[in-house]
Amino acid sequence: EVINVASEQNNRLLNFAHIVSHNLRSH
């Protein structure tokens, strides 16, 4: 469960990093 949560959090953080990078770069 801990591994799954960590994996899920990592995936979300990676996705969020892409979003932040794209949106702030556009602005």
mmCIF file of all heavy atoms, coordinates in Angstrom:
data_MODEL
# 
_entry.id   MODEL 
# 
loop_
_atom_site.group_PDB 
_atom_site.id 
_atom_site.type_symbol 
_atom_site.label_atom_id 
_atom_site.label_alt_id 
_atom_site.label_comp_id 
_atom_site.label_asym_id 
_atom_site.label_entity_id 
_atom_site.label_seq_id 
_atom_site.pdbx_PDB_ins_code 
_atom_site.Cartn_x 
_atom_site.Cartn_y 
_atom_site.Cartn_z 
_atom_site.occupancy 
_atom_site.B_iso_or_equiv 
_atom_site.pdbx_formal_charge 
_atom_site.auth_seq_id 
_atom_site.auth_comp_id 
_atom_site.auth_asym_id 
_atom_site.auth_atom_id 
_atom_site.pdbx_PDB_model_num 
ATOM 1   N N   . GLU A 1 1  ? 0.835  -1.202 0.000   1.00 0.00 ? 1  GLU A N   1 
ATOM 2   C CA  . GLU A 1 1  ? 0.000  0.000  0.000   1.00 0.00 ? 1  GLU A CA  1 
ATOM 3   C C   . GLU A 1 1  ? 0.871  1.254  0.000   1.00 0.00 ? 1  GLU A C   1 
ATOM 4   O O   . GLU A 1 1  ? 0.610  2.219  -0.727  1.00 0.00 ? 1  GLU A O   1 
ATOM 5   C CB  . GLU A 1 1  ? -0.913 -0.026 1.236   1.00 0.00 ? 1  GLU A CB  1 
ATOM 6   C CG  . GLU A 1 1  ? -1.812 1.184  1.384   1.00 0.00 ? 1  GLU A CG  1 
ATOM 7   C CD  . GLU A 1 1  ? -2.880 1.264  0.308   1.00 0.00 ? 1  GLU A CD  1 
ATOM 8   O OE1 . GLU A 1 1  ? -3.154 0.231  -0.344  1.00 0.00 ? 1  GLU A OE1 1 
ATOM 9   O OE2 . GLU A 1 1  ? -3.423 2.368  0.114   1.00 0.00 ? 1  GLU A OE2 1 
ATOM 10  N N   . VAL A 1 2  ? 1.954  1.238  0.828   1.00 0.00 ? 2  VAL A N   1 
ATOM 11  C CA  . VAL A 1 2  ? 2.869  2.387  0.879   1.00 0.00 ? 2  VAL A CA  1 
ATOM 12  C C   . VAL A 1 2  ? 3.539  2.588  -0.480  1.00 0.00 ? 2  VAL A C   1 
ATOM 13  O O   . VAL A 1 2  ? 3.658  3.714  -0.975  1.00 0.00 ? 2  VAL A O   1 
ATOM 14  C CB  . VAL A 1 2  ? 3.927  2.170  1.985   1.00 0.00 ? 2  VAL A CB  1 
ATOM 15  C CG1 . VAL A 1 2  ? 5.012  3.229  1.896   1.00 0.00 ? 2  VAL A CG1 1 
ATOM 16  C CG2 . VAL A 1 2  ? 3.263  2.212  3.355   1.00 0.00 ? 2  VAL A CG2 1 
ATOM 17  N N   . ILE A 1 3  ? 3.970  1.463  -1.088  1.00 0.00 ? 3  ILE A N   1 
ATOM 18  C CA  . ILE A 1 3  ? 4.626  1.550  -2.401  1.00 0.00 ? 3  ILE A CA  1 
ATOM 19  C C   . ILE A 1 3  ? 3.668  2.112  -3.437  1.00 0.00 ? 3  ILE A C   1 
ATOM 20  O O   . ILE A 1 3  ? 4.032  2.968  -4.255  1.00 0.00 ? 3  ILE A O   1 
ATOM 21  C CB  . ILE A 1 3  ? 5.137  0.157  -2.823  1.00 0.00 ? 3  ILE A CB  1 
ATOM 22  C CG1 . ILE A 1 3  ? 6.278  -0.282 -1.904  1.00 0.00 ? 3  ILE A CG1 1 
ATOM 23  C CG2 . ILE A 1 3  ? 5.583  0.163  -4.279  1.00 0.00 ? 3  ILE A CG2 1 
ATOM 24  C CD1 . ILE A 1 3  ? 6.729  -1.710 -2.112  1.00 0.00 ? 3  ILE A CD1 1 
ATOM 25  N N   . ASN A 1 4  ? 2.402  1.615  -3.394  1.00 0.00 ? 4  ASN A N   1 
ATOM 26  C CA  . ASN A 1 4  ? 1.408  2.100  -4.362  1.00 0.00 ? 4  ASN A CA  1 
ATOM 27  C C   . ASN A 1 4  ? 1.136  3.587  -4.180  1.00 0.00 ? 4  ASN A C   1 
ATOM 28  O O   . ASN A 1 4  ? 1.005  4.333  -5.155  1.00 0.00 ? 4  ASN A O   1 
ATOM 29  C CB  . ASN A 1 4  ? 0.113  1.308  -4.218  1.00 0.00 ? 4  ASN A CB  1 
ATOM 30  C CG  . ASN A 1 4  ? 0.262  -0.115 -4.702  1.00 0.00 ? 4  ASN A CG  1 
ATOM 31  O OD1 . ASN A 1 4  ? 1.146  -0.416 -5.502  1.00 0.00 ? 4  ASN A OD1 1 
ATOM 32  N ND2 . ASN A 1 4  ? -0.585 -1.018 -4.204  1.00 0.00 ? 4  ASN A ND2 1 
ATOM 33  N N   . VAL A 1 5  ? 1.014  3.992  -2.889  1.00 0.00 ? 5  VAL A N   1 
ATOM 34  C CA  . VAL A 1 5  ? 0.755  5.415  -2.616  1.00 0.00 ? 5  VAL A CA  1 
ATOM 35  C C   . VAL A 1 5  ? 1.921  6.265  -3.106  1.00 0.00 ? 5  VAL A C   1 
ATOM 36  O O   . VAL A 1 5  ? 1.735  7.308  -3.749  1.00 0.00 ? 5  VAL A O   1 
ATOM 37  C CB  . VAL A 1 5  ? 0.509  5.639  -1.109  1.00 0.00 ? 5  VAL A CB  1 
ATOM 38  C CG1 . VAL A 1 5  ? 0.493  7.127  -0.778  1.00 0.00 ? 5  VAL A CG1 1 
ATOM 39  C CG2 . VAL A 1 5  ? -0.807 4.995  -0.700  1.00 0.00 ? 5  VAL A CG2 1 
ATOM 40  N N   . ALA A 1 6  ? 3.149  5.787  -2.794  1.00 0.00 ? 6  ALA A N   1 
ATOM 41  C CA  . ALA A 1 6  ? 4.332  6.541  -3.222  1.00 0.00 ? 6  ALA A CA  1 
ATOM 42  C C   . ALA A 1 6  ? 4.407  6.625  -4.740  1.00 0.00 ? 6  ALA A C   1 
ATOM 43  O O   . ALA A 1 6  ? 4.723  7.677  -5.316  1.00 0.00 ? 6  ALA A O   1 
ATOM 44  C CB  . ALA A 1 6  ? 5.595  5.875  -2.664  1.00 0.00 ? 6  ALA A CB  1 
ATOM 45  N N   . SER A 1 7  ? 4.099  5.502  -5.395  1.00 0.00 ? 7  SER A N   1 
ATOM 46  C CA  . SER A 1 7  ? 4.121  5.484  -6.859  1.00 0.00 ? 7  SER A CA  1 
ATOM 47  C C   . SER A 1 7  ? 3.092  6.446  -7.426  1.00 0.00 ? 7  SER A C   1 
ATOM 48  O O   . SER A 1 7  ? 3.372  7.193  -8.368  1.00 0.00 ? 7  SER A O   1 
ATOM 49  C CB  . SER A 1 7  ? 3.852  4.060  -7.359  1.00 0.00 ? 7  SER A CB  1 
ATOM 50  O OG  . SER A 1 7  ? 3.788  4.028  -8.759  1.00 0.00 ? 7  SER A OG  1 
ATOM 51  N N   . GLU A 1 8  ? 1.889  6.403  -6.814  1.00 0.00 ? 8  GLU A N   1 
ATOM 52  C CA  . GLU A 1 8  ? 0.827  7.291  -7.291  1.00 0.00 ? 8  GLU A CA  1 
ATOM 53  C C   . GLU A 1 8  ? 1.214  8.756  -7.081  1.00 0.00 ? 8  GLU A C   1 
ATOM 54  O O   . GLU A 1 8  ? 0.999  9.603  -7.962  1.00 0.00 ? 8  GLU A O   1 
ATOM 55  C CB  . GLU A 1 8  ? -0.479 6.969  -6.555  1.00 0.00 ? 8  GLU A CB  1 
ATOM 56  C CG  . GLU A 1 8  ? -1.659 7.801  -7.024  1.00 0.00 ? 8  GLU A CG  1 
ATOM 57  C CD  . GLU A 1 8  ? -2.934 7.452  -6.289  1.00 0.00 ? 8  GLU A CD  1 
ATOM 58  O OE1 . GLU A 1 8  ? -2.930 6.463  -5.539  1.00 0.00 ? 8  GLU A OE1 1 
ATOM 59  O OE2 . GLU A 1 8  ? -3.920 8.189  -6.465  1.00 0.00 ? 8  GLU A OE2 1 
ATOM 60  N N   . GLN A 1 9  ? 1.795  9.057  -5.912  1.00 0.00 ? 9  GLN A N   1 
ATOM 61  C CA  . GLN A 1 9  ? 2.209  10.433 -5.628  1.00 0.00 ? 9  GLN A CA  1 
ATOM 62  C C   . GLN A 1 9  ? 3.305  10.880 -6.610  1.00 0.00 ? 9  GLN A C   1 
ATOM 63  O O   . GLN A 1 9  ? 3.281  12.017 -7.104  1.00 0.00 ? 9  GLN A O   1 
ATOM 64  C CB  . GLN A 1 9  ? 2.730  10.533 -4.190  1.00 0.00 ? 9  GLN A CB  1 
ATOM 65  C CG  . GLN A 1 9  ? 1.649  10.374 -3.124  1.00 0.00 ? 9  GLN A CG  1 
ATOM 66  C CD  . GLN A 1 9  ? 0.715  11.564 -3.072  1.00 0.00 ? 9  GLN A CD  1 
ATOM 67  O OE1 . GLN A 1 9  ? 0.995  12.603 -3.654  1.00 0.00 ? 9  GLN A OE1 1 
ATOM 68  N NE2 . GLN A 1 9  ? -0.410 11.414 -2.385  1.00 0.00 ? 9  GLN A NE2 1 
ATOM 69  N N   . ASN A 1 10 ? 4.244  9.960  -6.896  1.00 0.00 ? 10 ASN A N   1 
ATOM 70  C CA  . ASN A 1 10 ? 5.314  10.302 -7.847  1.00 0.00 ? 10 ASN A CA  1 
ATOM 71  C C   . ASN A 1 10 ? 4.749  10.608 -9.228  1.00 0.00 ? 10 ASN A C   1 
ATOM 72  O O   . ASN A 1 10 ? 5.170  11.556 -9.900  1.00 0.00 ? 10 ASN A O   1 
ATOM 73  C CB  . ASN A 1 10 ? 6.326  9.155  -7.933  1.00 0.00 ? 10 ASN A CB  1 
ATOM 74  C CG  . ASN A 1 10 ? 7.206  9.084  -6.704  1.00 0.00 ? 10 ASN A CG  1 
ATOM 75  O OD1 . ASN A 1 10 ? 7.356  10.075 -5.979  1.00 0.00 ? 10 ASN A OD1 1 
ATOM 76  N ND2 . ASN A 1 10 ? 7.787  7.922  -6.447  1.00 0.00 ? 10 ASN A ND2 1 
ATOM 77  N N   . ASN A 1 11 ? 3.781  9.766  -9.654  1.00 0.00 ? 11 ASN A N   1 
ATOM 78  C CA  . ASN A 1 11 ? 3.171  9.983  -10.964 1.00 0.00 ? 11 ASN A CA  1 
ATOM 79  C C   . ASN A 1 11 ? 2.449  11.332 -11.008 1.00 0.00 ? 11 ASN A C   1 
ATOM 80  O O   . ASN A 1 11 ? 2.504  12.061 -12.004 1.00 0.00 ? 11 ASN A O   1 
ATOM 81  C CB  . ASN A 1 11 ? 2.199  8.851  -11.294 1.00 0.00 ? 11 ASN A CB  1 
ATOM 82  C CG  . ASN A 1 11 ? 2.917  7.557  -11.580 1.00 0.00 ? 11 ASN A CG  1 
ATOM 83  O OD1 . ASN A 1 11 ? 4.086  7.563  -11.982 1.00 0.00 ? 11 ASN A OD1 1 
ATOM 84  N ND2 . ASN A 1 11 ? 2.244  6.433  -11.372 1.00 0.00 ? 11 ASN A ND2 1 
ATOM 85  N N   . ARG A 1 12 ? 1.746  11.626 -9.894  1.00 0.00 ? 12 ARG A N   1 
ATOM 86  C CA  . ARG A 1 12 ? 1.015  12.907 -9.860  1.00 0.00 ? 12 ARG A CA  1 
ATOM 87  C C   . ARG A 1 12 ? 1.985  14.090 -9.857  1.00 0.00 ? 12 ARG A C   1 
ATOM 88  O O   . ARG A 1 12 ? 1.735  15.110 -10.517 1.00 0.00 ? 12 ARG A O   1 
ATOM 89  C CB  . ARG A 1 12 ? 0.118  12.958 -8.620  1.00 0.00 ? 12 ARG A CB  1 
ATOM 90  C CG  . ARG A 1 12 ? -1.080 12.019 -8.716  1.00 0.00 ? 12 ARG A CG  1 
ATOM 91  C CD  . ARG A 1 12 ? -2.021 12.228 -7.551  1.00 0.00 ? 12 ARG A CD  1 
ATOM 92  N NE  . ARG A 1 12 ? -3.177 11.343 -7.631  1.00 0.00 ? 12 ARG A NE  1 
ATOM 93  C CZ  . ARG A 1 12 ? -4.178 11.358 -6.781  1.00 0.00 ? 12 ARG A CZ  1 
ATOM 94  N NH1 . ARG A 1 12 ? -4.171 12.224 -5.767  1.00 0.00 ? 12 ARG A NH1 1 
ATOM 95  N NH2 . ARG A 1 12 ? -5.193 10.524 -6.908  1.00 0.00 ? 12 ARG A NH2 1 
ATOM 96  N N   . LEU A 1 13 ? 3.081  13.941 -9.101  1.00 0.00 ? 13 LEU A N   1 
ATOM 97  C CA  . LEU A 1 13 ? 4.053  15.030 -9.053  1.00 0.00 ? 13 LEU A CA  1 
ATOM 98  C C   . LEU A 1 13 ? 4.698  15.250 -10.417 1.00 0.00 ? 13 LEU A C   1 
ATOM 99  O O   . LEU A 1 13 ? 4.924  16.391 -10.845 1.00 0.00 ? 13 LEU A O   1 
ATOM 100 C CB  . LEU A 1 13 ? 5.132  14.710 -8.006  1.00 0.00 ? 13 LEU A CB  1 
ATOM 101 C CG  . LEU A 1 13 ? 4.685  14.849 -6.541  1.00 0.00 ? 13 LEU A CG  1 
ATOM 102 C CD1 . LEU A 1 13 ? 5.761  14.313 -5.613  1.00 0.00 ? 13 LEU A CD1 1 
ATOM 103 C CD2 . LEU A 1 13 ? 4.347  16.303 -6.206  1.00 0.00 ? 13 LEU A CD2 1 
ATOM 104 N N   . LEU A 1 14 ? 4.993  14.115 -11.107 1.00 0.00 ? 14 LEU A N   1 
ATOM 105 C CA  . LEU A 1 14 ? 5.578  14.229 -12.438 1.00 0.00 ? 14 LEU A CA  1 
ATOM 106 C C   . LEU A 1 14 ? 4.615  14.927 -13.390 1.00 0.00 ? 14 LEU A C   1 
ATOM 107 O O   . LEU A 1 14 ? 4.989  15.833 -14.138 1.00 0.00 ? 14 LEU A O   1 
ATOM 108 C CB  . LEU A 1 14 ? 5.933  12.831 -12.960 1.00 0.00 ? 14 LEU A CB  1 
ATOM 109 C CG  . LEU A 1 14 ? 6.616  12.783 -14.336 1.00 0.00 ? 14 LEU A CG  1 
ATOM 110 C CD1 . LEU A 1 14 ? 7.946  13.537 -14.306 1.00 0.00 ? 14 LEU A CD1 1 
ATOM 111 C CD2 . LEU A 1 14 ? 6.837  11.335 -14.765 1.00 0.00 ? 14 LEU A CD2 1 
ATOM 112 N N   . ASN A 1 15 ? 3.341  14.499 -13.318 1.00 0.00 ? 15 ASN A N   1 
ATOM 113 C CA  . ASN A 1 15 ? 2.325  15.111 -14.175 1.00 0.00 ? 15 ASN A CA  1 
ATOM 114 C C   . ASN A 1 15 ? 2.167  16.593 -13.844 1.00 0.00 ? 15 ASN A C   1 
ATOM 115 O O   . ASN A 1 15 ? 2.050  17.448 -14.726 1.00 0.00 ? 15 ASN A O   1 
ATOM 116 C CB  . ASN A 1 15 ? 1.001  14.360 -13.991 1.00 0.00 ? 15 ASN A CB  1 
ATOM 117 C CG  . ASN A 1 15 ? -0.085 14.885 -14.910 1.00 0.00 ? 15 ASN A CG  1 
ATOM 118 O OD1 . ASN A 1 15 ? 0.128  15.086 -16.103 1.00 0.00 ? 15 ASN A OD1 1 
ATOM 119 N ND2 . ASN A 1 15 ? -1.259 15.131 -14.339 1.00 0.00 ? 15 ASN A ND2 1 
ATOM 120 N N   . PHE A 1 16 ? 2.172  16.885 -12.534 1.00 0.00 ? 16 PHE A N   1 
ATOM 121 C CA  . PHE A 1 16 ? 2.010  18.263 -12.097 1.00 0.00 ? 16 PHE A CA  1 
ATOM 122 C C   . PHE A 1 16 ? 3.198  19.123 -12.561 1.00 0.00 ? 16 PHE A C   1 
ATOM 123 O O   . PHE A 1 16 ? 3.033  20.279 -12.961 1.00 0.00 ? 16 PHE A O   1 
ATOM 124 C CB  . PHE A 1 16 ? 1.876  18.306 -10.578 1.00 0.00 ? 16 PHE A CB  1 
ATOM 125 C CG  . PHE A 1 16 ? 1.603  19.690 -10.053 1.00 0.00 ? 16 PHE A CG  1 
ATOM 126 C CD1 . PHE A 1 16 ? 0.357  20.275 -10.210 1.00 0.00 ? 16 PHE A CD1 1 
ATOM 127 C CD2 . PHE A 1 16 ? 2.602  20.406 -9.401  1.00 0.00 ? 16 PHE A CD2 1 
ATOM 128 C CE1 . PHE A 1 16 ? 0.114  21.541 -9.715  1.00 0.00 ? 16 PHE A CE1 1 
ATOM 129 C CE2 . PHE A 1 16 ? 2.355  21.676 -8.923  1.00 0.00 ? 16 PHE A CE2 1 
ATOM 130 C CZ  . PHE A 1 16 ? 1.104  22.245 -9.075  1.00 0.00 ? 16 PHE A CZ  1 
ATOM 131 N N   . ALA A 1 17 ? 4.401  18.527 -12.523 1.00 0.00 ? 17 ALA A N   1 
ATOM 132 C CA  . ALA A 1 17 ? 5.592  19.266 -12.973 1.00 0.00 ? 17 ALA A CA  1 
ATOM 133 C C   . ALA A 1 17 ? 5.467  19.653 -14.439 1.00 0.00 ? 17 ALA A C   1 
ATOM 134 O O   . ALA A 1 17 ? 5.819  20.762 -14.848 1.00 0.00 ? 17 ALA A O   1 
ATOM 135 C CB  . ALA A 1 17 ? 6.846  18.417 -12.751 1.00 0.00 ? 17 ALA A CB  1 
ATOM 136 N N   . HIS A 1 18 ? 4.935  18.708 -15.261 1.00 0.00 ? 18 HIS A N   1 
ATOM 137 C CA  . HIS A 1 18 ? 4.728  19.016 -16.677 1.00 0.00 ? 18 HIS A CA  1 
ATOM 138 C C   . HIS A 1 18 ? 3.728  20.157 -16.843 1.00 0.00 ? 18 HIS A C   1 
ATOM 139 O O   . HIS A 1 18 ? 3.911  21.053 -17.677 1.00 0.00 ? 18 HIS A O   1 
ATOM 140 C CB  . HIS A 1 18 ? 4.225  17.769 -17.407 1.00 0.00 ? 18 HIS A CB  1 
ATOM 141 C CG  . HIS A 1 18 ? 5.274  16.716 -17.580 1.00 0.00 ? 18 HIS A CG  1 
ATOM 142 N ND1 . HIS A 1 18 ? 6.546  16.971 -18.064 1.00 0.00 ? 18 HIS A ND1 1 
ATOM 143 C CD2 . HIS A 1 18 ? 5.234  15.372 -17.325 1.00 0.00 ? 18 HIS A CD2 1 
ATOM 144 C CE1 . HIS A 1 18 ? 7.242  15.853 -18.106 1.00 0.00 ? 18 HIS A CE1 1 
ATOM 145 N NE2 . HIS A 1 18 ? 6.477  14.863 -17.659 1.00 0.00 ? 18 HIS A NE2 1 
ATOM 146 N N   . ILE A 1 19 ? 2.641  20.085 -16.022 1.00 0.00 ? 19 ILE A N   1 
ATOM 147 C CA  . ILE A 1 19 ? 1.608  21.131 -16.116 1.00 0.00 ? 19 ILE A CA  1 
ATOM 148 C C   . ILE A 1 19 ? 2.185  22.495 -15.748 1.00 0.00 ? 19 ILE A C   1 
ATOM 149 O O   . ILE A 1 19 ? 2.000  23.502 -16.451 1.00 0.00 ? 19 ILE A O   1 
ATOM 150 C CB  . ILE A 1 19 ? 0.421  20.782 -15.212 1.00 0.00 ? 19 ILE A CB  1 
ATOM 151 C CG1 . ILE A 1 19 ? -0.298 19.534 -15.744 1.00 0.00 ? 19 ILE A CG1 1 
ATOM 152 C CG2 . ILE A 1 19 ? -0.567 21.940 -15.118 1.00 0.00 ? 19 ILE A CG2 1 
ATOM 153 C CD1 . ILE A 1 19 ? -1.343 18.988 -14.801 1.00 0.00 ? 19 ILE A CD1 1 
ATOM 154 N N   . VAL A 1 20 ? 2.904  22.509 -14.606 1.00 0.00 ? 20 VAL A N   1 
ATOM 155 C CA  . VAL A 1 20 ? 3.490  23.779 -14.139 1.00 0.00 ? 20 VAL A CA  1 
ATOM 156 C C   . VAL A 1 20 ? 4.456  24.323 -15.188 1.00 0.00 ? 20 VAL A C   1 
ATOM 157 O O   . VAL A 1 20 ? 4.438  25.510 -15.542 1.00 0.00 ? 20 VAL A O   1 
ATOM 158 C CB  . VAL A 1 20 ? 4.199  23.573 -12.787 1.00 0.00 ? 20 VAL A CB  1 
ATOM 159 C CG1 . VAL A 1 20 ? 5.005  24.812 -12.416 1.00 0.00 ? 20 VAL A CG1 1 
ATOM 160 C CG2 . VAL A 1 20 ? 3.167  23.260 -11.714 1.00 0.00 ? 20 VAL A CG2 1 
ATOM 161 N N   . SER A 1 21 ? 5.308  23.428 -15.690 1.00 0.00 ? 21 SER A N   1 
ATOM 162 C CA  . SER A 1 21 ? 6.305  23.859 -16.673 1.00 0.00 ? 21 SER A CA  1 
ATOM 163 C C   . SER A 1 21 ? 5.634  24.451 -17.911 1.00 0.00 ? 21 SER A C   1 
ATOM 164 O O   . SER A 1 21 ? 6.017  25.515 -18.390 1.00 0.00 ? 21 SER A O   1 
ATOM 165 C CB  . SER A 1 21 ? 7.178  22.658 -17.061 1.00 0.00 ? 21 SER A CB  1 
ATOM 166 O OG  . SER A 1 21 ? 8.051  23.010 -18.103 1.00 0.00 ? 21 SER A OG  1 
ATOM 167 N N   . HIS A 1 22 ? 4.606  23.757 -18.400 1.00 0.00 ? 22 HIS A N   1 
ATOM 168 C CA  . HIS A 1 22 ? 3.943  24.224 -19.620 1.00 0.00 ? 22 HIS A CA  1 
ATOM 169 C C   . HIS A 1 22 ? 3.224  25.541 -19.394 1.00 0.00 ? 22 HIS A C   1 
ATOM 170 O O   . HIS A 1 22 ? 3.365  26.505 -20.157 1.00 0.00 ? 22 HIS A O   1 
ATOM 171 C CB  . HIS A 1 22 ? 2.969  23.134 -20.095 1.00 0.00 ? 22 HIS A CB  1 
ATOM 172 C CG  . HIS A 1 22 ? 2.132  23.560 -21.267 1.00 0.00 ? 22 HIS A CG  1 
ATOM 173 N ND1 . HIS A 1 22 ? 0.902  24.182 -21.104 1.00 0.00 ? 22 HIS A ND1 1 
ATOM 174 C CD2 . HIS A 1 22 ? 2.365  23.466 -22.606 1.00 0.00 ? 22 HIS A CD2 1 
ATOM 175 C CE1 . HIS A 1 22 ? 0.402  24.452 -22.297 1.00 0.00 ? 22 HIS A CE1 1 
ATOM 176 N NE2 . HIS A 1 22 ? 1.249  24.029 -23.221 1.00 0.00 ? 22 HIS A NE2 1 
ATOM 177 N N   . ASN A 1 23 ? 2.408  25.603 -18.318 1.00 0.00 ? 23 ASN A N   1 
ATOM 178 C CA  . ASN A 1 23 ? 1.563  26.785 -18.106 1.00 0.00 ? 23 ASN A CA  1 
ATOM 179 C C   . ASN A 1 23 ? 2.375  28.035 -17.762 1.00 0.00 ? 23 ASN A C   1 
ATOM 180 O O   . ASN A 1 23 ? 2.131  29.122 -18.307 1.00 0.00 ? 23 ASN A O   1 
ATOM 181 C CB  . ASN A 1 23 ? 0.542  26.511 -17.006 1.00 0.00 ? 23 ASN A CB  1 
ATOM 182 C CG  . ASN A 1 23 ? -0.477 25.467 -17.444 1.00 0.00 ? 23 ASN A CG  1 
ATOM 183 O OD1 . ASN A 1 23 ? -0.625 25.208 -18.630 1.00 0.00 ? 23 ASN A OD1 1 
ATOM 184 N ND2 . ASN A 1 23 ? -1.164 24.878 -16.486 1.00 0.00 ? 23 ASN A ND2 1 
ATOM 185 N N   . LEU A 1 24 ? 3.331  27.868 -16.842 1.00 0.00 ? 24 LEU A N   1 
ATOM 186 C CA  . LEU A 1 24 ? 4.118  29.047 -16.449 1.00 0.00 ? 24 LEU A CA  1 
ATOM 187 C C   . LEU A 1 24 ? 5.030  29.491 -17.596 1.00 0.00 ? 24 LEU A C   1 
ATOM 188 O O   . LEU A 1 24 ? 5.283  30.691 -17.772 1.00 0.00 ? 24 LEU A O   1 
ATOM 189 C CB  . LEU A 1 24 ? 4.945  28.737 -15.195 1.00 0.00 ? 24 LEU A CB  1 
ATOM 190 C CG  . LEU A 1 24 ? 4.119  28.490 -13.918 1.00 0.00 ? 24 LEU A CG  1 
ATOM 191 C CD1 . LEU A 1 24 ? 5.045  28.297 -12.724 1.00 0.00 ? 24 LEU A CD1 1 
ATOM 192 C CD2 . LEU A 1 24 ? 3.156  29.662 -13.651 1.00 0.00 ? 24 LEU A CD2 1 
ATOM 193 N N   . ARG A 1 25 ? 5.516  28.513 -18.383 1.00 0.00 ? 25 ARG A N   1 
ATOM 194 C CA  . ARG A 1 25 ? 6.346  28.889 -19.523 1.00 0.00 ? 25 ARG A CA  1 
ATOM 195 C C   . ARG A 1 25 ? 5.534  29.697 -20.536 1.00 0.00 ? 25 ARG A C   1 
ATOM 196 O O   . ARG A 1 25 ? 6.016  30.665 -21.131 1.00 0.00 ? 25 ARG A O   1 
ATOM 197 C CB  . ARG A 1 25 ? 6.935  27.637 -20.181 1.00 0.00 ? 25 ARG A CB  1 
ATOM 198 C CG  . ARG A 1 25 ? 7.918  27.976 -21.317 1.00 0.00 ? 25 ARG A CG  1 
ATOM 199 C CD  . ARG A 1 25 ? 8.712  26.762 -21.787 1.00 0.00 ? 25 ARG A CD  1 
ATOM 200 N NE  . ARG A 1 25 ? 7.841  25.746 -22.303 1.00 0.00 ? 25 ARG A NE  1 
ATOM 201 C CZ  . ARG A 1 25 ? 7.644  24.570 -21.732 1.00 0.00 ? 25 ARG A CZ  1 
ATOM 202 N NH1 . ARG A 1 25 ? 8.286  24.288 -20.603 1.00 0.00 ? 25 ARG A NH1 1 
ATOM 203 N NH2 . ARG A 1 25 ? 6.839  23.680 -22.256 1.00 0.00 ? 25 ARG A NH2 1 
ATOM 204 N N   . SER A 1 26 ? 4.258  29.324 -20.728 1.00 0.00 ? 26 SER A N   1 
ATOM 205 C CA  . SER A 1 26 ? 3.402  30.066 -21.659 1.00 0.00 ? 26 SER A CA  1 
ATOM 206 C C   . SER A 1 26 ? 3.215  31.505 -21.189 1.00 0.00 ? 26 SER A C   1 
ATOM 207 O O   . SER A 1 26 ? 3.321  32.464 -21.979 1.00 0.00 ? 26 SER A O   1 
ATOM 208 C CB  . SER A 1 26 ? 2.044  29.369 -21.768 1.00 0.00 ? 26 SER A CB  1 
ATOM 209 O OG  . SER A 1 26 ? 2.196  28.077 -22.294 1.00 0.00 ? 26 SER A OG  1 
ATOM 210 N N   . HIS A 1 27 ? 2.920  31.661 -19.872 1.00 0.00 ? 27 HIS A N   1 
ATOM 211 C CA  . HIS A 1 27 ? 2.739  33.013 -19.327 1.00 0.00 ? 27 HIS A CA  1 
ATOM 212 C C   . HIS A 1 27 ? 4.045  33.816 -19.409 1.00 0.00 ? 27 HIS A C   1 
ATOM 213 O O   . HIS A 1 27 ? 4.034  35.015 -19.732 1.00 0.00 ? 27 HIS A O   1 
ATOM 214 C CB  . HIS A 1 27 ? 2.253  32.937 -17.874 1.00 0.00 ? 27 HIS A CB  1 
ATOM 215 C CG  . HIS A 1 27 ? 0.820  32.474 -17.768 1.00 0.00 ? 27 HIS A CG  1 
ATOM 216 N ND1 . HIS A 1 27 ? -0.239 33.193 -18.283 1.00 0.00 ? 27 HIS A ND1 1 
ATOM 217 C CD2 . HIS A 1 27 ? 0.296  31.367 -17.203 1.00 0.00 ? 27 HIS A CD2 1 
ATOM 218 C CE1 . HIS A 1 27 ? -1.363 32.548 -18.030 1.00 0.00 ? 27 HIS A CE1 1 
ATOM 219 N NE2 . HIS A 1 27 ? -1.070 31.425 -17.372 1.00 0.00 ? 27 HIS A NE2 1 
# 
